[in-house]
Amino acid sequence: MSESTAQPKTVLLRRGEVHSPADPFATAMVVERGQVAWVGSEGAADAFAEGVDETVDLAGALVTPAFTDAHVHTTATGLALTGLDLSGAPSLEAALALVRDFAASRPADRVLLGHGWDAARWPGGRPPTRAELDAAAGGRPLYLSRIDVHSAVVSTALLAMAPAAGAAPDAPLVADAHHAVRATALAAITPAQRDEAQRAALARAASLGIGTVHECGGPDISSEDDFTGLLRLAAGEAGPRVVGYWAERDVEKARALGAAGAAGDLFADGALGSHTACLHAPYADAAHTGTPYLDAAAVAAHVVACTEAGLQAGFHAIGDAAVTAVVEGVRAAAEKTGLARVRAARHRVEHAEMLTSDTIAAFAELGLTASVQPAFDALWGGEDGMYAQRLGAERAGTLNPFAALLRAGVPLAFGSDSPVTPLDPWGTVRAAAFHRTPAHRVSVRAAFTAHTRGGWRATGRDDAGVLVPGAPADYAVWRTGDLVVQAPDDRVARWSTDPRSGTPGLPDLTPGAELPVCLRTVVAGRTVFVRPGE
């Protein structure tokens, strides 16, 4: 396989397995002018052999639609890939040692940036003190975001650079104080550092078969320059598509920045790990109910403005009280603008972890897309996980109810929230199919659809994310084991290879099975990744 980033060629792929509803037994595909032109059998492929620019011998490899990651923070992902990543630190002491080594290796950085610590997984369960950070960083400005990116610990020197943070306590900073220090820290990144980080993140995505990412930017997350710079970079270089969402209640600003919506991480609340998700009842390990950022009236006003402007609205809502506020606000907007217009706009809710039967029904009624992250359950679910620590086992067992959402007809779009959890599309599909709470599991096929076609539908497009004639030629080629078809019962991992099902097979994702390896990623007919040696 040879790499090409020039204009789209006419390409014949043959002698493989093509995952296409147009032909469940397809072994060949023709791509022309950036679109799928034909899928079918190897015997019929000979008719196209003379009229193509390139023939790719798949040698038994699997071809699928490229994945869409529906929630990414691209620059932060790149900084984690190229900088200080604390997600693997097994203890506070280990994290501080990593900070010391990183500070020594980066003498020219104005601010030291790191991500991924999680005190809930450390012996003793406490975050570093400011004095410990000052010592590890050698007195330099230091910003370390918690794994959920809704709180951070910082050094004294960084606080001195961020007067807007106020008299911050010697504890993880949340809400406005966190936003102030994060803005100060990210402002220290040079344009060259930012471009390097964005390229690193997009290259990692392409290497994993991800053809599209939804960038969730905003004034409390990054900056306007960061957002527009990413959109320019993605438009000018071969790589994954980037669909941008700008999280600000300013419709004209979002439009001017080139955003698909004033949506994404427009915070209705925070996160469970940082005790800032907004709940109806107090946390199990804290005597409060979290932090509300938007009420139903504010949600309604924003949804009306976006609907009338023809843009998507969307909100970050994790806690049950925050989700209720979003639902009540969208319903009030529908009463003003008309339910049909609200449904047609396909407004989004990011994360939507704590749902009830009533709010699930409301999502279906209002046409809301649930942009969710199955890896959250894999990381934080279970009887001993962070969810149970924060909420108690009973409430924790209700989180991320993917099966109930699908049964209600709620559109799902899967993502990673990278760098909160890594870019890992097949791991995401596995996490949904083998949810820690069996009642919330969905079939591999449904999970795969949510991570491919679901991401396109979340942007308002129904003609993509599937390999059928006329669809965009966004696809990935995989080295994988035997293909299987999951049994109809979503809650039980029974498997069948019976070809009479007429359903395209997918890789075996049972826990312990080796995940597929991406050999090539193609976006709009242009190759954006080829694994070395292929």
Protein backbone atom coordinates (compact mmCIF):
# COMPACT_ATOMS: atom_id res chain seq x y z
CA MET A 1 0.00 0.00 0.00
CA SER A 2 1.43 3.39 -0.98
CA GLU A 3 0.50 6.68 0.64
CA SER A 4 -1.03 9.50 -1.39
CA THR A 5 -2.26 12.85 -0.21
CA ALA A 6 -2.88 14.33 -3.68
CA GLN A 7 -6.24 14.69 -5.38
CA PRO A 8 -8.54 11.68 -4.91
CA LYS A 9 -7.75 8.79 -7.20
CA THR A 10 -10.02 6.16 -8.64
CA VAL A 11 -9.12 3.15 -6.55
CA LEU A 12 -10.17 -0.50 -6.63
CA LEU A 13 -9.84 -2.38 -3.36
CA ARG A 14 -10.18 -6.15 -3.73
CA ARG A 15 -9.64 -9.53 -2.04
CA GLY A 16 -10.79 -8.39 1.39
CA GLU A 17 -13.90 -8.06 3.50
CA VAL A 18 -15.92 -4.86 3.00
CA HIS A 19 -18.33 -3.93 5.79
CA SER A 20 -21.27 -2.64 3.77
CA PRO A 21 -25.04 -2.94 4.19
CA ALA A 22 -25.29 -2.69 0.42
CA ASP A 23 -23.75 -6.17 0.17
CA PRO A 24 -23.11 -8.14 3.37
CA PHE A 25 -20.73 -10.44 1.47
CA ALA A 26 -18.78 -7.73 -0.39
CA THR A 27 -15.08 -8.35 -0.93
CA ALA A 28 -14.27 -5.40 -3.20
CA MET A 29 -14.97 -1.67 -3.45
CA VAL A 30 -14.37 1.11 -5.98
CA VAL A 31 -13.72 4.69 -4.87
CA GLU A 32 -14.02 7.54 -7.34
CA ARG A 33 -13.87 11.33 -6.86
CA GLY A 34 -13.84 11.01 -3.11
CA GLN A 35 -16.97 8.85 -2.96
CA VAL A 36 -17.81 5.17 -2.82
CA ALA A 37 -18.74 4.22 -6.37
CA TRP A 38 -19.39 0.49 -6.04
CA VAL A 39 -19.23 -2.42 -3.60
CA GLY A 40 -19.55 -6.06 -4.57
CA SER A 41 -17.90 -9.41 -5.06
CA GLU A 42 -14.38 -10.25 -6.15
CA GLY A 43 -15.66 -11.86 -9.33
CA ALA A 44 -17.34 -8.64 -10.45
CA ALA A 45 -14.31 -6.51 -9.61
CA ASP A 46 -12.51 -7.46 -12.82
CA ALA A 47 -14.85 -5.20 -14.77
CA PHE A 48 -13.29 -2.16 -13.03
CA ALA A 49 -9.64 -3.21 -13.15
CA GLU A 50 -8.73 -1.34 -16.35
CA GLY A 51 -10.34 1.98 -15.44
CA VAL A 52 -8.75 2.73 -12.09
CA ASP A 53 -5.65 4.68 -11.07
CA GLU A 54 -4.68 2.26 -8.32
CA THR A 55 -5.54 -1.26 -7.26
CA VAL A 56 -5.15 -2.20 -3.60
CA ASP A 57 -4.80 -5.87 -2.79
CA LEU A 58 -6.38 -6.15 0.65
CA ALA A 59 -4.99 -9.64 1.19
CA GLY A 60 -7.93 -10.53 3.39
CA ALA A 61 -8.02 -7.27 5.38
CA LEU A 62 -11.27 -5.72 6.61
CA VAL A 63 -12.55 -2.42 5.23
CA THR A 64 -14.97 -0.41 7.38
CA PRO A 65 -16.24 3.14 7.47
CA ALA A 66 -13.75 5.37 9.25
CA PHE A 67 -14.65 6.14 12.84
CA THR A 68 -15.95 9.50 14.00
CA ASP A 69 -14.88 10.63 17.46
CA ALA A 70 -17.73 12.92 18.48
CA HIS A 71 -15.99 14.69 21.38
CA VAL A 72 -12.31 15.68 21.27
CA HIS A 73 -10.14 18.47 22.67
CA THR A 74 -7.51 18.37 19.97
CA THR A 75 -4.80 20.67 21.31
CA ALA A 76 -5.06 19.25 24.82
CA THR A 77 -4.84 15.75 23.33
CA GLY A 78 -1.69 16.70 21.46
CA LEU A 79 -0.16 18.29 24.53
CA ALA A 80 -0.80 15.09 26.48
CA LEU A 81 0.76 13.05 23.67
CA THR A 82 3.86 15.24 23.44
CA GLY A 83 4.12 16.41 27.07
CA LEU A 84 3.50 15.35 30.65
CA ASP A 85 0.90 12.59 30.94
CA LEU A 86 0.11 11.58 34.53
CA SER A 87 -2.67 9.12 33.72
CA GLY A 88 -0.40 6.15 34.40
CA ALA A 89 1.03 7.44 37.68
CA PRO A 90 0.22 4.79 40.34
CA SER A 91 0.72 7.10 43.32
CA LEU A 92 1.17 10.71 44.39
CA GLU A 93 4.89 10.13 44.84
CA ALA A 94 5.19 8.75 41.31
CA ALA A 95 3.29 11.73 39.90
CA LEU A 96 5.59 14.20 41.67
CA ALA A 97 8.63 12.34 40.34
CA LEU A 98 7.25 12.66 36.81
CA VAL A 99 6.75 16.39 37.36
CA ARG A 100 10.36 16.78 38.52
CA ASP A 101 11.70 14.91 35.50
CA PHE A 102 9.47 16.87 33.11
CA ALA A 103 10.51 20.22 34.58
CA ALA A 104 14.17 19.29 34.16
CA SER A 105 13.59 18.29 30.53
CA ARG A 106 11.76 21.51 29.58
CA PRO A 107 13.88 24.42 30.82
CA ALA A 108 12.56 26.86 28.21
CA ASP A 109 8.82 26.37 28.81
CA ARG A 110 7.21 29.44 30.31
CA VAL A 111 4.53 27.27 31.96
CA LEU A 112 4.80 23.55 32.61
CA LEU A 113 1.67 21.73 31.46
CA GLY A 114 0.50 18.28 32.51
CA HIS A 115 -2.67 16.24 32.50
CA GLY A 116 -4.31 13.08 33.74
CA TRP A 117 -3.79 12.76 37.52
CA ASP A 118 -6.53 10.99 39.44
CA ALA A 119 -6.14 11.00 43.22
CA ALA A 120 -9.12 8.64 43.56
CA ARG A 121 -6.86 5.86 42.21
CA TRP A 122 -3.86 6.65 44.44
CA PRO A 123 -3.10 5.17 47.88
CA GLY A 124 -4.32 7.74 50.38
CA GLY A 125 -6.60 9.33 47.81
CA ARG A 126 -5.27 12.88 48.10
CA PRO A 127 -4.00 15.29 45.44
CA PRO A 128 -0.64 17.07 45.77
CA THR A 129 -0.36 20.16 47.97
CA ARG A 130 0.81 23.43 46.51
CA ALA A 131 4.07 23.16 48.45
CA GLU A 132 4.72 19.73 46.93
CA LEU A 133 4.08 21.12 43.46
CA ASP A 134 6.34 24.11 44.06
CA ALA A 135 9.15 21.78 45.09
CA ALA A 136 8.66 19.37 42.18
CA ALA A 137 8.50 22.21 39.63
CA GLY A 138 11.46 24.07 41.12
CA GLY A 139 9.33 27.13 41.77
CA ARG A 140 8.18 27.42 38.15
CA PRO A 141 4.60 27.96 36.93
CA LEU A 142 2.85 24.57 36.73
CA TYR A 143 -0.66 23.56 35.66
CA LEU A 144 -1.84 19.95 36.11
CA SER A 145 -5.39 19.16 35.03
CA ARG A 146 -7.26 16.31 36.66
CA ILE A 147 -8.21 13.46 34.35
CA ASP A 148 -11.72 14.89 33.82
CA VAL A 149 -10.28 18.38 33.04
CA HIS A 150 -12.80 19.98 35.42
CA SER A 151 -10.30 20.77 38.13
CA ALA A 152 -6.56 21.31 38.37
CA VAL A 153 -3.73 21.70 40.83
CA VAL A 154 -1.26 24.54 40.24
CA SER A 155 1.93 25.96 41.64
CA THR A 156 2.25 29.25 43.51
CA ALA A 157 4.09 30.78 40.55
CA LEU A 158 1.17 30.09 38.19
CA LEU A 159 -1.32 31.56 40.64
CA ALA A 160 0.74 34.74 40.69
CA MET A 161 0.30 34.95 36.91
CA ALA A 162 -3.50 34.52 37.17
CA PRO A 163 -4.95 37.24 39.44
CA ALA A 164 -8.44 36.41 38.16
CA ALA A 165 -8.24 33.15 40.10
CA GLY A 166 -8.48 35.13 43.34
CA ALA A 167 -7.40 33.79 46.71
CA ALA A 168 -7.36 30.16 45.64
CA PRO A 169 -7.33 27.49 48.37
CA ASP A 170 -4.59 24.90 48.64
CA ALA A 171 -6.78 22.34 46.93
CA PRO A 172 -7.79 21.43 43.37
CA LEU A 173 -9.25 24.51 41.71
CA VAL A 174 -12.73 24.27 40.21
CA ALA A 175 -15.25 26.50 38.40
CA ASP A 176 -14.15 30.11 37.75
CA ALA A 177 -10.81 29.77 39.54
CA HIS A 178 -9.95 26.78 37.37
CA HIS A 179 -11.04 28.55 34.20
CA ALA A 180 -8.81 31.50 35.10
CA VAL A 181 -5.64 29.46 35.68
CA ARG A 182 -6.30 27.27 32.64
CA ALA A 183 -6.64 30.35 30.42
CA THR A 184 -3.37 31.71 31.80
CA ALA A 185 -1.55 28.41 31.32
CA LEU A 186 -2.76 27.86 27.77
CA ALA A 187 -1.98 31.45 26.81
CA ALA A 188 1.68 30.62 27.44
CA ILE A 189 1.70 28.10 24.57
CA THR A 190 3.40 29.45 21.46
CA PRO A 191 1.72 29.11 18.05
CA ALA A 192 4.42 26.63 17.07
CA GLN A 193 3.73 24.49 20.17
CA ARG A 194 0.01 24.60 19.43
CA ASP A 195 0.46 23.54 15.83
CA GLU A 196 2.76 20.71 16.91
CA ALA A 197 0.19 19.49 19.42
CA GLN A 198 -2.69 19.67 16.95
CA ARG A 199 -0.75 17.77 14.29
CA ALA A 200 0.23 15.13 16.83
CA ALA A 201 -3.38 14.63 17.89
CA LEU A 202 -4.72 14.41 14.34
CA ALA A 203 -1.94 12.04 13.32
CA ARG A 204 -2.78 9.76 16.26
CA ALA A 205 -6.46 9.84 15.28
CA ALA A 206 -5.66 8.92 11.67
CA SER A 207 -3.44 6.04 12.82
CA LEU A 208 -6.42 4.60 14.70
CA GLY A 209 -8.84 4.68 11.77
CA ILE A 210 -10.56 7.89 12.87
CA GLY A 211 -11.61 9.93 9.85
CA THR A 212 -13.50 12.72 11.62
CA VAL A 213 -13.22 14.41 14.99
CA HIS A 214 -15.66 16.83 16.59
CA GLU A 215 -13.59 19.53 18.23
CA CYS A 216 -15.24 20.86 21.38
CA GLY A 217 -13.72 24.28 21.94
CA GLY A 218 -14.83 27.32 23.84
CA PRO A 219 -13.67 30.33 25.84
CA ASP A 220 -13.45 28.30 29.07
CA ILE A 221 -11.60 25.46 27.34
CA SER A 222 -9.09 26.90 24.89
CA SER A 223 -9.19 30.13 22.88
CA GLU A 224 -10.56 31.53 19.66
CA ASP A 225 -7.09 31.41 18.09
CA ASP A 226 -6.73 27.76 19.08
CA PHE A 227 -10.11 26.90 17.57
CA THR A 228 -9.72 28.76 14.28
CA GLY A 229 -6.10 27.63 13.97
CA LEU A 230 -7.19 24.00 14.20
CA LEU A 231 -9.90 24.46 11.57
CA ARG A 232 -7.38 26.11 9.21
CA LEU A 233 -4.81 23.39 9.80
CA ALA A 234 -7.32 20.60 9.16
CA ALA A 235 -8.61 22.27 6.00
CA GLY A 236 -5.12 22.82 4.61
CA GLU A 237 -3.43 19.49 5.37
CA ALA A 238 -4.24 15.85 4.73
CA GLY A 239 -5.71 14.32 7.84
CA PRO A 240 -8.98 13.67 9.64
CA ARG A 241 -11.88 16.01 9.08
CA VAL A 242 -12.53 18.42 11.93
CA VAL A 243 -16.06 19.57 12.75
CA GLY A 244 -15.85 22.42 15.21
CA TYR A 245 -18.25 23.25 18.04
CA TRP A 246 -17.83 26.49 20.00
CA ALA A 247 -19.20 26.48 23.55
CA GLU A 248 -20.42 30.02 24.02
CA ARG A 249 -23.90 31.54 24.23
CA ASP A 250 -23.14 33.84 21.32
CA VAL A 251 -24.60 32.53 18.10
CA GLU A 252 -22.94 35.11 15.88
CA LYS A 253 -19.55 34.43 17.46
CA ALA A 254 -19.92 30.71 16.79
CA ARG A 255 -20.89 31.37 13.18
CA ALA A 256 -18.01 33.81 12.67
CA LEU A 257 -15.52 31.29 14.02
CA GLY A 258 -16.70 28.66 11.54
CA ALA A 259 -18.39 26.44 14.11
CA ALA A 260 -21.11 23.94 13.26
CA GLY A 261 -22.90 24.96 16.42
CA ALA A 262 -22.77 26.97 19.61
CA ALA A 263 -22.48 23.67 21.37
CA GLY A 264 -20.10 21.08 22.75
CA ASP A 265 -18.80 21.84 26.22
CA LEU A 266 -21.22 24.64 27.01
CA PHE A 267 -21.26 23.75 30.66
CA ALA A 268 -24.52 23.07 32.45
CA ASP A 269 -22.39 21.52 35.22
CA GLY A 270 -18.97 20.01 35.86
CA ALA A 271 -17.79 16.44 36.41
CA LEU A 272 -18.36 13.69 38.96
CA GLY A 273 -14.70 13.13 39.72
CA SER A 274 -14.23 16.80 40.64
CA HIS A 275 -17.49 16.89 42.64
CA THR A 276 -18.83 19.56 40.26
CA ALA A 277 -21.49 17.56 38.36
CA CYS A 278 -24.85 18.92 39.49
CA LEU A 279 -27.02 16.36 41.29
CA HIS A 280 -30.55 16.20 42.68
CA ALA A 281 -29.25 14.51 45.86
CA PRO A 282 -25.88 15.04 47.58
CA TYR A 283 -22.76 13.12 46.74
CA ALA A 284 -22.07 10.00 48.77
CA ASP A 285 -18.63 11.35 49.70
CA ALA A 286 -19.35 15.10 49.95
CA ALA A 287 -22.11 17.10 51.64
CA HIS A 288 -23.25 19.05 48.60
CA THR A 289 -24.88 18.57 45.19
CA GLY A 290 -22.24 20.00 42.86
CA THR A 291 -22.11 23.11 40.71
CA PRO A 292 -24.88 24.34 38.40
CA TYR A 293 -23.69 26.63 35.61
CA LEU A 294 -26.91 27.01 33.59
CA ASP A 295 -30.57 26.89 34.56
CA ALA A 296 -33.51 25.91 32.37
CA ALA A 297 -34.21 29.52 31.37
CA ALA A 298 -30.66 30.02 30.11
CA VAL A 299 -30.82 26.73 28.20
CA ALA A 300 -34.14 27.71 26.62
CA ALA A 301 -32.85 31.10 25.49
CA HIS A 302 -29.81 29.54 23.87
CA VAL A 303 -31.76 26.79 22.12
CA VAL A 304 -34.22 29.36 20.73
CA ALA A 305 -31.37 31.53 19.45
CA CYS A 306 -29.57 28.61 17.81
CA THR A 307 -32.74 27.14 16.31
CA GLU A 308 -33.70 30.46 14.76
CA ALA A 309 -30.16 30.95 13.45
CA GLY A 310 -30.04 27.47 11.92
CA LEU A 311 -27.19 26.29 14.16
CA GLN A 312 -26.94 23.38 16.53
CA ALA A 313 -27.13 24.05 20.24
CA GLY A 314 -25.56 21.71 22.71
CA PHE A 315 -24.66 21.39 26.35
CA HIS A 316 -22.28 19.53 28.62
CA ALA A 317 -24.53 17.87 31.21
CA ILE A 318 -23.42 15.01 33.45
CA GLY A 319 -25.35 15.12 36.73
CA ASP A 320 -29.05 14.29 36.87
CA ALA A 321 -29.99 17.84 37.95
CA ALA A 322 -28.01 19.31 35.05
CA VAL A 323 -29.62 16.92 32.57
CA THR A 324 -33.05 17.88 33.96
CA ALA A 325 -32.26 21.57 33.49
CA VAL A 326 -31.24 20.95 29.87
CA VAL A 327 -34.37 18.91 29.14
CA GLU A 328 -36.66 21.50 30.72
CA GLY A 329 -34.92 24.26 28.81
CA VAL A 330 -35.12 22.50 25.44
CA ARG A 331 -38.78 21.71 26.05
CA ALA A 332 -39.47 25.38 26.81
CA ALA A 333 -37.67 26.34 23.60
CA ALA A 334 -39.80 23.86 21.66
CA GLU A 335 -42.94 25.47 23.07
CA LYS A 336 -41.76 28.79 21.67
CA THR A 337 -40.29 27.80 18.31
CA GLY A 338 -42.24 24.62 17.62
CA LEU A 339 -41.26 21.05 18.36
CA ALA A 340 -40.63 20.19 14.71
CA ARG A 341 -38.01 22.94 14.35
CA VAL A 342 -36.22 21.90 17.53
CA ARG A 343 -36.16 18.26 16.48
CA ALA A 344 -34.91 19.17 13.00
CA ALA A 345 -31.98 21.10 14.49
CA ARG A 346 -30.58 17.95 16.16
CA HIS A 347 -29.34 19.71 19.26
CA ARG A 348 -26.82 17.76 21.34
CA VAL A 349 -26.11 16.82 24.93
CA GLU A 350 -22.53 15.87 25.72
CA HIS A 351 -21.86 13.06 28.24
CA ALA A 352 -25.41 12.69 29.61
CA GLU A 353 -24.23 10.19 32.20
CA MET A 354 -26.98 10.40 34.85
CA LEU A 355 -30.29 9.78 33.13
CA THR A 356 -33.71 8.67 34.31
CA SER A 357 -36.54 7.09 32.36
CA ASP A 358 -38.16 10.54 32.18
CA THR A 359 -35.12 12.33 30.79
CA ILE A 360 -34.46 9.50 28.31
CA ALA A 361 -38.04 9.86 27.07
CA ALA A 362 -37.53 13.61 26.80
CA PHE A 363 -34.38 13.13 24.70
CA ALA A 364 -36.42 11.01 22.29
CA GLU A 365 -39.31 13.49 22.22
CA LEU A 366 -37.08 16.50 21.59
CA GLY A 367 -34.79 14.85 19.06
CA LEU A 368 -31.68 15.33 21.21
CA THR A 369 -28.52 13.47 20.28
CA ALA A 370 -26.66 11.88 23.18
CA SER A 371 -22.94 12.37 22.55
CA VAL A 372 -21.51 9.85 25.01
CA GLN A 373 -18.23 8.24 26.03
CA PRO A 374 -18.38 4.48 26.79
CA ALA A 375 -14.78 4.49 28.02
CA PHE A 376 -15.98 6.46 31.06
CA ASP A 377 -17.76 3.34 32.30
CA ALA A 378 -14.74 1.17 31.56
CA LEU A 379 -12.53 3.56 33.56
CA TRP A 380 -14.84 4.62 36.41
CA GLY A 381 -17.67 2.08 36.56
CA GLY A 382 -18.00 -1.04 38.65
CA GLU A 383 -18.53 -1.65 42.34
CA ASP A 384 -15.16 -0.16 43.36
CA GLY A 385 -14.87 2.56 40.73
CA MET A 386 -14.98 6.33 41.03
CA TYR A 387 -18.71 6.41 40.21
CA ALA A 388 -19.47 4.23 43.23
CA GLN A 389 -17.19 6.34 45.43
CA ARG A 390 -18.96 9.55 44.43
CA LEU A 391 -22.55 8.31 44.23
CA GLY A 392 -22.85 5.01 46.07
CA ALA A 393 -23.35 1.69 44.30
CA GLU A 394 -27.07 2.08 43.59
CA ARG A 395 -26.86 5.41 41.79
CA ALA A 396 -23.59 4.45 40.11
CA GLY A 397 -25.31 1.45 38.54
CA THR A 398 -27.70 3.73 36.65
CA LEU A 399 -25.00 5.64 34.77
CA ASN A 400 -24.46 5.58 31.01
CA PRO A 401 -27.61 3.59 30.13
CA PHE A 402 -26.83 3.09 26.44
CA ALA A 403 -29.31 0.24 25.90
CA ALA A 404 -32.20 2.26 27.32
CA LEU A 405 -31.29 5.22 25.11
CA LEU A 406 -31.32 3.04 21.98
CA ARG A 407 -34.58 1.37 22.95
CA ALA A 408 -36.15 4.82 23.28
CA GLY A 409 -34.92 5.83 19.84
CA VAL A 410 -32.36 8.38 21.05
CA PRO A 411 -29.55 8.91 18.51
CA LEU A 412 -26.14 8.01 19.94
CA ALA A 413 -22.77 9.41 18.88
CA PHE A 414 -19.70 7.90 20.52
CA GLY A 415 -16.52 9.74 21.40
CA SER A 416 -13.58 9.76 23.78
CA ASP A 417 -13.49 13.26 25.32
CA SER A 418 -9.76 12.92 24.68
CA PRO A 419 -7.52 13.57 26.56
CA VAL A 420 -9.92 12.53 29.37
CA THR A 421 -9.84 9.03 27.90
CA PRO A 422 -7.55 8.12 24.98
CA LEU A 423 -8.49 8.04 21.34
CA ASP A 424 -9.39 4.36 21.03
CA PRO A 425 -12.35 3.60 18.75
CA TRP A 426 -12.40 -0.20 18.93
CA GLY A 427 -11.86 0.03 22.68
CA THR A 428 -14.85 2.37 22.83
CA VAL A 429 -17.03 -0.10 20.94
CA ARG A 430 -15.88 -2.87 23.27
CA ALA A 431 -16.66 -0.72 26.35
CA ALA A 432 -20.24 -0.19 25.17
CA ALA A 433 -20.79 -3.84 24.27
CA PHE A 434 -19.34 -5.03 27.59
CA HIS A 435 -20.59 -2.27 29.88
CA ARG A 436 -19.86 -2.99 33.55
CA THR A 437 -23.62 -2.92 34.16
CA PRO A 438 -24.99 -5.72 31.92
CA ALA A 439 -28.41 -4.09 31.51
CA HIS A 440 -26.77 -1.11 29.78
CA ARG A 441 -24.87 -3.14 27.16
CA VAL A 442 -25.59 -2.75 23.46
CA SER A 443 -24.63 -4.99 20.57
CA VAL A 444 -21.26 -4.57 18.90
CA ARG A 445 -23.09 -3.66 15.73
CA ALA A 446 -25.07 -0.90 17.47
CA ALA A 447 -21.94 0.41 19.16
CA PHE A 448 -20.01 0.40 15.89
CA THR A 449 -22.83 2.32 14.21
CA ALA A 450 -22.84 4.91 17.00
CA HIS A 451 -19.10 5.42 16.49
CA THR A 452 -19.31 5.71 12.70
CA ARG A 453 -22.65 6.75 11.25
CA GLY A 454 -23.82 8.17 14.58
CA GLY A 455 -21.13 10.83 14.54
CA TRP A 456 -22.15 11.99 11.08
CA ARG A 457 -25.83 12.06 12.03
CA ALA A 458 -24.91 14.20 15.04
CA THR A 459 -23.74 16.86 12.57
CA GLY A 460 -26.96 16.62 10.55
CA ARG A 461 -25.74 14.26 7.80
CA ASP A 462 -27.51 10.97 7.15
CA ASP A 463 -25.63 9.99 3.97
CA ALA A 464 -22.24 9.21 5.48
CA GLY A 465 -20.48 6.87 7.86
CA VAL A 466 -21.47 3.83 5.83
CA LEU A 467 -19.88 2.23 2.75
CA VAL A 468 -22.58 2.45 0.11
CA PRO A 469 -22.47 4.00 -3.37
CA GLY A 470 -22.65 7.79 -3.15
CA ALA A 471 -21.32 8.03 0.40
CA PRO A 472 -18.10 9.89 1.20
CA ALA A 473 -15.08 7.61 0.80
CA ASP A 474 -14.03 7.80 4.44
CA TYR A 475 -12.81 4.32 5.34
CA ALA A 476 -10.18 2.37 7.23
CA VAL A 477 -8.43 -0.91 6.43
CA TRP A 478 -7.79 -3.29 9.32
CA ARG A 479 -5.75 -6.37 10.12
CA THR A 480 -8.03 -8.44 12.30
CA GLY A 481 -9.00 -11.94 13.29
CA ASP A 482 -12.13 -13.80 12.28
CA LEU A 483 -15.26 -11.72 11.76
CA VAL A 484 -18.30 -12.56 13.85
CA VAL A 485 -21.95 -11.58 14.08
CA GLN A 486 -23.28 -10.95 17.57
CA ALA A 487 -26.42 -12.74 18.69
CA PRO A 488 -29.64 -10.66 18.82
CA ASP A 489 -29.73 -10.55 22.64
CA ASP A 490 -27.82 -7.31 23.38
CA ARG A 491 -27.21 -8.29 27.00
CA VAL A 492 -25.48 -11.60 26.37
CA ALA A 493 -22.17 -11.94 24.55
CA ARG A 494 -23.10 -14.93 22.38
CA TRP A 495 -21.43 -15.06 18.98
CA SER A 496 -22.15 -16.63 15.63
CA THR A 497 -20.28 -16.77 12.34
CA ASP A 498 -23.33 -17.96 10.41
CA PRO A 499 -23.20 -16.11 7.04
CA ARG A 500 -26.91 -16.73 6.50
CA SER A 501 -27.62 -13.85 8.87
CA GLY A 502 -27.01 -11.43 6.00
CA THR A 503 -25.36 -9.03 8.45
CA PRO A 504 -21.81 -7.78 7.81
CA GLY A 505 -19.41 -9.24 10.33
CA LEU A 506 -17.27 -7.28 12.77
CA PRO A 507 -14.15 -8.24 14.74
CA ASP A 508 -14.44 -10.28 17.90
CA LEU A 509 -14.24 -7.70 20.71
CA THR A 510 -14.75 -9.97 23.70
CA PRO A 511 -12.50 -8.88 26.60
CA GLY A 512 -9.03 -10.28 26.07
CA ALA A 513 -9.36 -10.54 22.28
CA GLU A 514 -6.77 -8.58 20.32
CA LEU A 515 -8.17 -5.36 18.86
CA PRO A 516 -7.86 -4.70 15.11
CA VAL A 517 -4.78 -2.87 13.83
CA CYS A 518 -5.29 0.00 11.39
CA LEU A 519 -3.35 -0.42 8.14
CA ARG A 520 -4.72 2.56 6.20
CA THR A 521 -7.09 5.48 6.77
CA VAL A 522 -8.71 7.35 3.90
CA VAL A 523 -10.72 10.59 4.12
CA ALA A 524 -12.72 11.79 1.10
CA GLY A 525 -10.69 9.44 -1.10
CA ARG A 526 -7.33 10.78 0.13
CA THR A 527 -5.04 8.50 2.10
CA VAL A 528 -4.15 10.18 5.39
CA PHE A 529 -2.41 7.27 7.11
CA VAL A 530 -0.55 4.14 6.04
CA ARG A 531 1.04 1.89 8.62
CA PRO A 532 4.78 1.60 7.92
CA GLY A 533 5.63 -1.59 6.09
CA GLU A 534 2.18 -2.02 4.57
